[in-house]
Amino acid sequence: METPPEIHEEQILSILVRNRPGVLSRVAGILGRLGYNIASLCVAETADPAVSRITLTSRAERDFTDKIRKHLDKLVDCIEVADYTGTPFLRRELMLLHVTFREEERADILRAIELCQGRILLLTEGICLIEAAGDPEHLGGILACFRPFGIRAVNRTGTIALPRRPS
């Protein structure tokens, strides 16, 4: 009898850590040692500058959080691990997008930016730098919308997330 393949789904963790040198490296090292790939990673100070929030996403089996938490709990600088997977939370990414266009496409570009709820950061002859925020699906739709014009460069922050109701 064959063993069924592991079900891999997107896992989203929020990890509060003391804001000290080397903490991010140790957290990422744990995931690497356990064989997990980090799909998205975002780190920033919280309202308390002594504490940072690490938001990471990975595609993994369902017991991912339990495995990771056991190792993170051993880190002195780890304060709290929250698993947002399957819970009501809000999630966003920020994307910067350089789009090229011909002058006769300018009105189409401006209309597309408005429809996609983007923001123009720079508009010069033949090039537009756009800022967009939303969930990953929304940003994927924006990329598809602007691909026909000509995308020169893209940079995305990765996921940031918070629960809909604070605990």
C-alpha atoms as a PDB file:
ATOM      1  CA  MET A   1       0.000   0.000   0.000  1.00  0.00           C
ATOM      2  CA  GLU A   2       1.366   3.386  -1.004  1.00  0.00           C
ATOM      3  CA  THR A   3       1.642   6.182   1.503  1.00  0.00           C
ATOM      4  CA  PRO A   4      -0.448   9.197   0.483  1.00  0.00           C
ATOM      5  CA  PRO A   5       1.610  12.295  -0.336  1.00  0.00           C
ATOM      6  CA  GLU A   6       1.855  14.989   2.336  1.00  0.00           C
ATOM      7  CA  ILE A   7      -0.617  17.803   1.826  1.00  0.00           C
ATOM      8  CA  HIS A   8       1.256  21.071   1.542  1.00  0.00           C
ATOM      9  CA  GLU A   9      -0.651  24.276   2.115  1.00  0.00           C
ATOM     10  CA  GLU A  10       0.342  27.843   2.718  1.00  0.00           C
ATOM     11  CA  GLN A  11       1.258  28.448   6.353  1.00  0.00           C
ATOM     12  CA  ILE A  12       1.468  31.981   7.778  1.00  0.00           C
ATOM     13  CA  LEU A  13       3.272  32.588  11.058  1.00  0.00           C
ATOM     14  CA  SER A  14       3.673  35.777  13.055  1.00  0.00           C
ATOM     15  CA  ILE A  15       6.648  35.626  15.405  1.00  0.00           C
ATOM     16  CA  LEU A  16       7.354  38.312  17.990  1.00  0.00           C
ATOM     17  CA  VAL A  17      11.041  38.483  18.862  1.00  0.00           C
ATOM     18  CA  ARG A  18      13.356  40.723  20.811  1.00  0.00           C
ATOM     19  CA  ASN A  19      14.903  43.219  18.426  1.00  0.00           C
ATOM     20  CA  ARG A  20      18.514  42.036  18.691  1.00  0.00           C
ATOM     21  CA  PRO A  21      21.239  41.262  16.164  1.00  0.00           C
ATOM     22  CA  GLY A  22      21.229  37.689  14.852  1.00  0.00           C
ATOM     23  CA  VAL A  23      17.646  36.793  15.839  1.00  0.00           C
ATOM     24  CA  LEU A  24      16.342  36.711  12.257  1.00  0.00           C
ATOM     25  CA  SER A  25      19.276  34.557  11.212  1.00  0.00           C
ATOM     26  CA  ARG A  26      18.541  32.050  13.983  1.00  0.00           C
ATOM     27  CA  VAL A  27      14.825  31.897  13.091  1.00  0.00           C
ATOM     28  CA  ALA A  28      15.578  31.400   9.386  1.00  0.00           C
ATOM     29  CA  GLY A  29      18.216  28.816  10.318  1.00  0.00           C
ATOM     30  CA  ILE A  30      15.631  26.720  12.166  1.00  0.00           C
ATOM     31  CA  LEU A  31      13.390  26.598   9.108  1.00  0.00           C
ATOM     32  CA  GLY A  32      16.334  25.731   6.880  1.00  0.00           C
ATOM     33  CA  ARG A  33      17.551  22.951   9.177  1.00  0.00           C
ATOM     34  CA  LEU A  34      14.048  21.442   9.202  1.00  0.00           C
ATOM     35  CA  GLY A  35      13.931  21.550   5.390  1.00  0.00           C
ATOM     36  CA  TYR A  36      11.325  24.302   4.952  1.00  0.00           C
ATOM     37  CA  ASN A  37      11.549  26.943   2.265  1.00  0.00           C
ATOM     38  CA  ILE A  38      10.501  30.461   3.221  1.00  0.00           C
ATOM     39  CA  ALA A  39       8.160  31.755   0.510  1.00  0.00           C
ATOM     40  CA  SER A  40       7.826  35.226   2.024  1.00  0.00           C
ATOM     41  CA  LEU A  41       9.517  36.993   4.906  1.00  0.00           C
ATOM     42  CA  CYS A  42       8.839  40.442   6.315  1.00  0.00           C
ATOM     43  CA  VAL A  43      10.397  41.878   9.471  1.00  0.00           C
ATOM     44  CA  ALA A  44       9.867  45.233  11.189  1.00  0.00           C
ATOM     45  CA  GLU A  45       9.743  46.826  14.612  1.00  0.00           C
ATOM     46  CA  THR A  46       6.402  46.842  16.420  1.00  0.00           C
ATOM     47  CA  ALA A  47       5.021  49.781  18.415  1.00  0.00           C
ATOM     48  CA  ASP A  48       7.677  48.777  20.959  1.00  0.00           C
ATOM     49  CA  PRO A  49      11.094  49.340  19.308  1.00  0.00           C
ATOM     50  CA  ALA A  50      12.571  46.567  21.472  1.00  0.00           C
ATOM     51  CA  VAL A  51      10.277  44.015  19.745  1.00  0.00           C
ATOM     52  CA  SER A  52      10.080  43.039  16.072  1.00  0.00           C
ATOM     53  CA  ARG A  53       7.417  41.045  14.246  1.00  0.00           C
ATOM     54  CA  ILE A  54       8.551  38.425  11.752  1.00  0.00           C
ATOM     55  CA  THR A  55       5.786  37.428   9.342  1.00  0.00           C
ATOM     56  CA  LEU A  56       6.691  34.426   7.259  1.00  0.00           C
ATOM     57  CA  THR A  57       4.900  32.193   4.822  1.00  0.00           C
ATOM     58  CA  SER A  58       5.853  28.721   3.749  1.00  0.00           C
ATOM     59  CA  ARG A  59       4.199  25.859   1.886  1.00  0.00           C
ATOM     60  CA  ALA A  60       4.270  22.946   4.285  1.00  0.00           C
ATOM     61  CA  GLU A  61       2.319  20.113   5.849  1.00  0.00           C
ATOM     62  CA  ARG A  62      -0.337  20.824   8.453  1.00  0.00           C
ATOM     63  CA  ASP A  63       1.852  20.136  11.496  1.00  0.00           C
ATOM     64  CA  PHE A  64       4.365  22.794  10.355  1.00  0.00           C
ATOM     65  CA  THR A  65       3.561  25.225  13.182  1.00  0.00           C
ATOM     66  CA  ASP A  66       3.930  22.618  15.914  1.00  0.00           C
ATOM     67  CA  LYS A  67       7.323  21.539  14.568  1.00  0.00           C
ATOM     68  CA  ILE A  68       8.579  25.092  14.209  1.00  0.00           C
ATOM     69  CA  ARG A  69       7.176  26.275  17.542  1.00  0.00           C
ATOM     70  CA  LYS A  70       9.057  23.533  19.456  1.00  0.00           C
ATOM     71  CA  HIS A  71      12.314  24.898  18.093  1.00  0.00           C
ATOM     72  CA  LEU A  72      11.425  28.590  18.344  1.00  0.00           C
ATOM     73  CA  ASP A  73      10.380  28.193  21.980  1.00  0.00           C
ATOM     74  CA  LYS A  74      13.995  27.249  22.734  1.00  0.00           C
ATOM     75  CA  LEU A  75      15.230  30.605  21.411  1.00  0.00           C
ATOM     76  CA  VAL A  76      15.726  33.070  24.253  1.00  0.00           C
ATOM     77  CA  ASP A  77      14.728  36.007  22.042  1.00  0.00           C
ATOM     78  CA  CYS A  78      11.449  34.482  20.830  1.00  0.00           C
ATOM     79  CA  ILE A  79       8.467  36.020  22.650  1.00  0.00           C
ATOM     80  CA  GLU A  80       5.410  34.597  20.876  1.00  0.00           C
ATOM     81  CA  VAL A  81       4.509  32.466  17.857  1.00  0.00           C
ATOM     82  CA  ALA A  82       1.056  32.873  16.294  1.00  0.00           C
ATOM     83  CA  ASP A  83      -0.280  30.752  13.447  1.00  0.00           C
ATOM     84  CA  TYR A  84      -2.680  32.710  11.218  1.00  0.00           C
ATOM     85  CA  THR A  85      -3.404  29.743   8.978  1.00  0.00           C
ATOM     86  CA  GLY A  86      -7.132  29.089   8.890  1.00  0.00           C
ATOM     87  CA  THR A  87      -7.992  32.028  11.176  1.00  0.00           C
ATOM     88  CA  PRO A  88      -9.616  35.369  10.276  1.00  0.00           C
ATOM     89  CA  PHE A  89      -6.771  37.754   9.511  1.00  0.00           C
ATOM     90  CA  LEU A  90      -5.932  40.584   7.158  1.00  0.00           C
ATOM     91  CA  ARG A  91      -3.008  40.221   4.830  1.00  0.00           C
ATOM     92  CA  ARG A  92      -1.274  42.674   2.537  1.00  0.00           C
ATOM     93  CA  GLU A  93       1.776  43.034   0.341  1.00  0.00           C
ATOM     94  CA  LEU A  94       3.253  46.134  -1.198  1.00  0.00           C
ATOM     95  CA  MET A  95       4.485  46.050  -4.796  1.00  0.00           C
ATOM     96  CA  LEU A  96       6.479  48.528  -6.858  1.00  0.00           C
ATOM     97  CA  LEU A  97       6.176  48.056 -10.591  1.00  0.00           C
ATOM     98  CA  HIS A  98       8.067  49.706 -13.465  1.00  0.00           C
ATOM     99  CA  VAL A  99       5.934  49.599 -16.611  1.00  0.00           C
ATOM    100  CA  THR A 100       6.961  50.736 -20.070  1.00  0.00           C
ATOM    101  CA  PHE A 101       4.473  52.067 -22.581  1.00  0.00           C
ATOM    102  CA  ARG A 102       4.191  53.862 -25.890  1.00  0.00           C
ATOM    103  CA  GLU A 103       2.859  57.417 -25.752  1.00  0.00           C
ATOM    104  CA  GLU A 104      -0.379  56.363 -27.477  1.00  0.00           C
ATOM    105  CA  GLU A 105      -0.945  53.922 -24.550  1.00  0.00           C
ATOM    106  CA  ARG A 106      -0.711  56.617 -21.853  1.00  0.00           C
ATOM    107  CA  ALA A 107      -4.493  56.890 -21.353  1.00  0.00           C
ATOM    108  CA  ASP A 108      -4.763  53.070 -21.153  1.00  0.00           C
ATOM    109  CA  ILE A 109      -2.006  52.953 -18.526  1.00  0.00           C
ATOM    110  CA  LEU A 110      -3.674  55.650 -16.428  1.00  0.00           C
ATOM    111  CA  ARG A 111      -7.053  53.893 -16.672  1.00  0.00           C
ATOM    112  CA  ALA A 112      -5.479  50.549 -15.679  1.00  0.00           C
ATOM    113  CA  ILE A 113      -3.764  52.143 -12.665  1.00  0.00           C
ATOM    114  CA  GLU A 114      -7.074  53.594 -11.511  1.00  0.00           C
ATOM    115  CA  LEU A 115      -8.927  50.292 -12.002  1.00  0.00           C
ATOM    116  CA  CYS A 116      -6.226  48.393 -10.096  1.00  0.00           C
ATOM    117  CA  GLN A 117      -6.251  50.957  -7.276  1.00  0.00           C
ATOM    118  CA  GLY A 118      -2.589  51.674  -7.856  1.00  0.00           C
ATOM    119  CA  ARG A 119      -0.713  54.889  -7.194  1.00  0.00           C
ATOM    120  CA  ILE A 120       1.624  56.635  -9.616  1.00  0.00           C
ATOM    121  CA  LEU A 121       5.001  57.391  -8.061  1.00  0.00           C
ATOM    122  CA  LEU A 122       6.724  58.474 -11.278  1.00  0.00           C
ATOM    123  CA  LEU A 123       5.394  59.128 -14.755  1.00  0.00           C
ATOM    124  CA  THR A 124       7.759  60.128 -17.510  1.00  0.00           C
ATOM    125  CA  GLU A 125       7.881  59.598 -21.225  1.00  0.00           C
ATOM    126  CA  GLY A 126       7.440  55.890 -21.796  1.00  0.00           C
ATOM    127  CA  ILE A 127       7.875  54.735 -18.194  1.00  0.00           C
ATOM    128  CA  CYS A 128       5.638  54.600 -15.133  1.00  0.00           C
ATOM    129  CA  LEU A 129       6.520  53.568 -11.580  1.00  0.00           C
ATOM    130  CA  ILE A 130       3.420  52.253  -9.819  1.00  0.00           C
ATOM    131  CA  GLU A 131       2.771  51.406  -6.174  1.00  0.00           C
ATOM    132  CA  ALA A 132       0.090  48.852  -5.351  1.00  0.00           C
ATOM    133  CA  ALA A 133      -1.002  47.123  -2.167  1.00  0.00           C
ATOM    134  CA  GLY A 134      -3.288  44.183  -1.611  1.00  0.00           C
ATOM    135  CA  ASP A 135      -3.412  40.472  -1.058  1.00  0.00           C
ATOM    136  CA  PRO A 136      -1.214  38.246  -3.243  1.00  0.00           C
ATOM    137  CA  GLU A 137      -4.094  37.407  -5.602  1.00  0.00           C
ATOM    138  CA  HIS A 138      -4.837  41.106  -6.186  1.00  0.00           C
ATOM    139  CA  LEU A 139      -1.180  41.826  -6.930  1.00  0.00           C
ATOM    140  CA  GLY A 140      -1.054  38.845  -9.291  1.00  0.00           C
ATOM    141  CA  GLY A 141      -4.004  40.347 -11.145  1.00  0.00           C
ATOM    142  CA  ILE A 142      -2.197  43.679 -11.390  1.00  0.00           C
ATOM    143  CA  LEU A 143       0.852  41.984 -12.875  1.00  0.00           C
ATOM    144  CA  ALA A 144      -1.354  40.254 -15.449  1.00  0.00           C
ATOM    145  CA  CYS A 145      -3.007  43.592 -16.278  1.00  0.00           C
ATOM    146  CA  PHE A 146       0.290  45.388 -16.948  1.00  0.00           C
ATOM    147  CA  ARG A 147       2.199  42.541 -18.597  1.00  0.00           C
ATOM    148  CA  PRO A 148       0.948  43.445 -22.111  1.00  0.00           C
ATOM    149  CA  PHE A 149       2.387  46.965 -21.746  1.00  0.00           C
ATOM    150  CA  GLY A 150       5.837  45.745 -20.721  1.00  0.00           C
ATOM    151  CA  ILE A 151       6.994  45.209 -17.150  1.00  0.00           C
ATOM    152  CA  ARG A 152      10.623  46.244 -16.653  1.00  0.00           C
ATOM    153  CA  ALA A 153      10.972  45.533 -12.929  1.00  0.00           C
ATOM    154  CA  VAL A 154       8.928  44.325  -9.959  1.00  0.00           C
ATOM    155  CA  ASN A 155       9.658  44.345  -6.242  1.00  0.00           C
ATOM    156  CA  ARG A 156       7.291  42.949  -3.608  1.00  0.00           C
ATOM    157  CA  THR A 157       7.549  43.152   0.166  1.00  0.00           C
ATOM    158  CA  GLY A 158       6.118  39.783   1.011  1.00  0.00           C
ATOM    159  CA  THR A 159       3.174  39.186   3.292  1.00  0.00           C
ATOM    160  CA  ILE A 160       2.382  41.233   6.370  1.00  0.00           C
ATOM    161  CA  ALA A 161      -0.616  40.138   8.425  1.00  0.00           C
ATOM    162  CA  LEU A 162      -2.572  40.775  11.609  1.00  0.00           C
ATOM    163  CA  PRO A 163      -5.588  39.014  13.076  1.00  0.00           C
ATOM    164  CA  ARG A 164      -8.935  40.706  12.465  1.00  0.00           C
ATOM    165  CA  ARG A 165      -9.382  40.929  16.243  1.00  0.00           C
ATOM    166  CA  PRO A 166      -6.382  41.522  18.516  1.00  0.00           C
ATOM    167  CA  SER A 167      -5.885  38.907  21.197  1.00  0.00           C
END
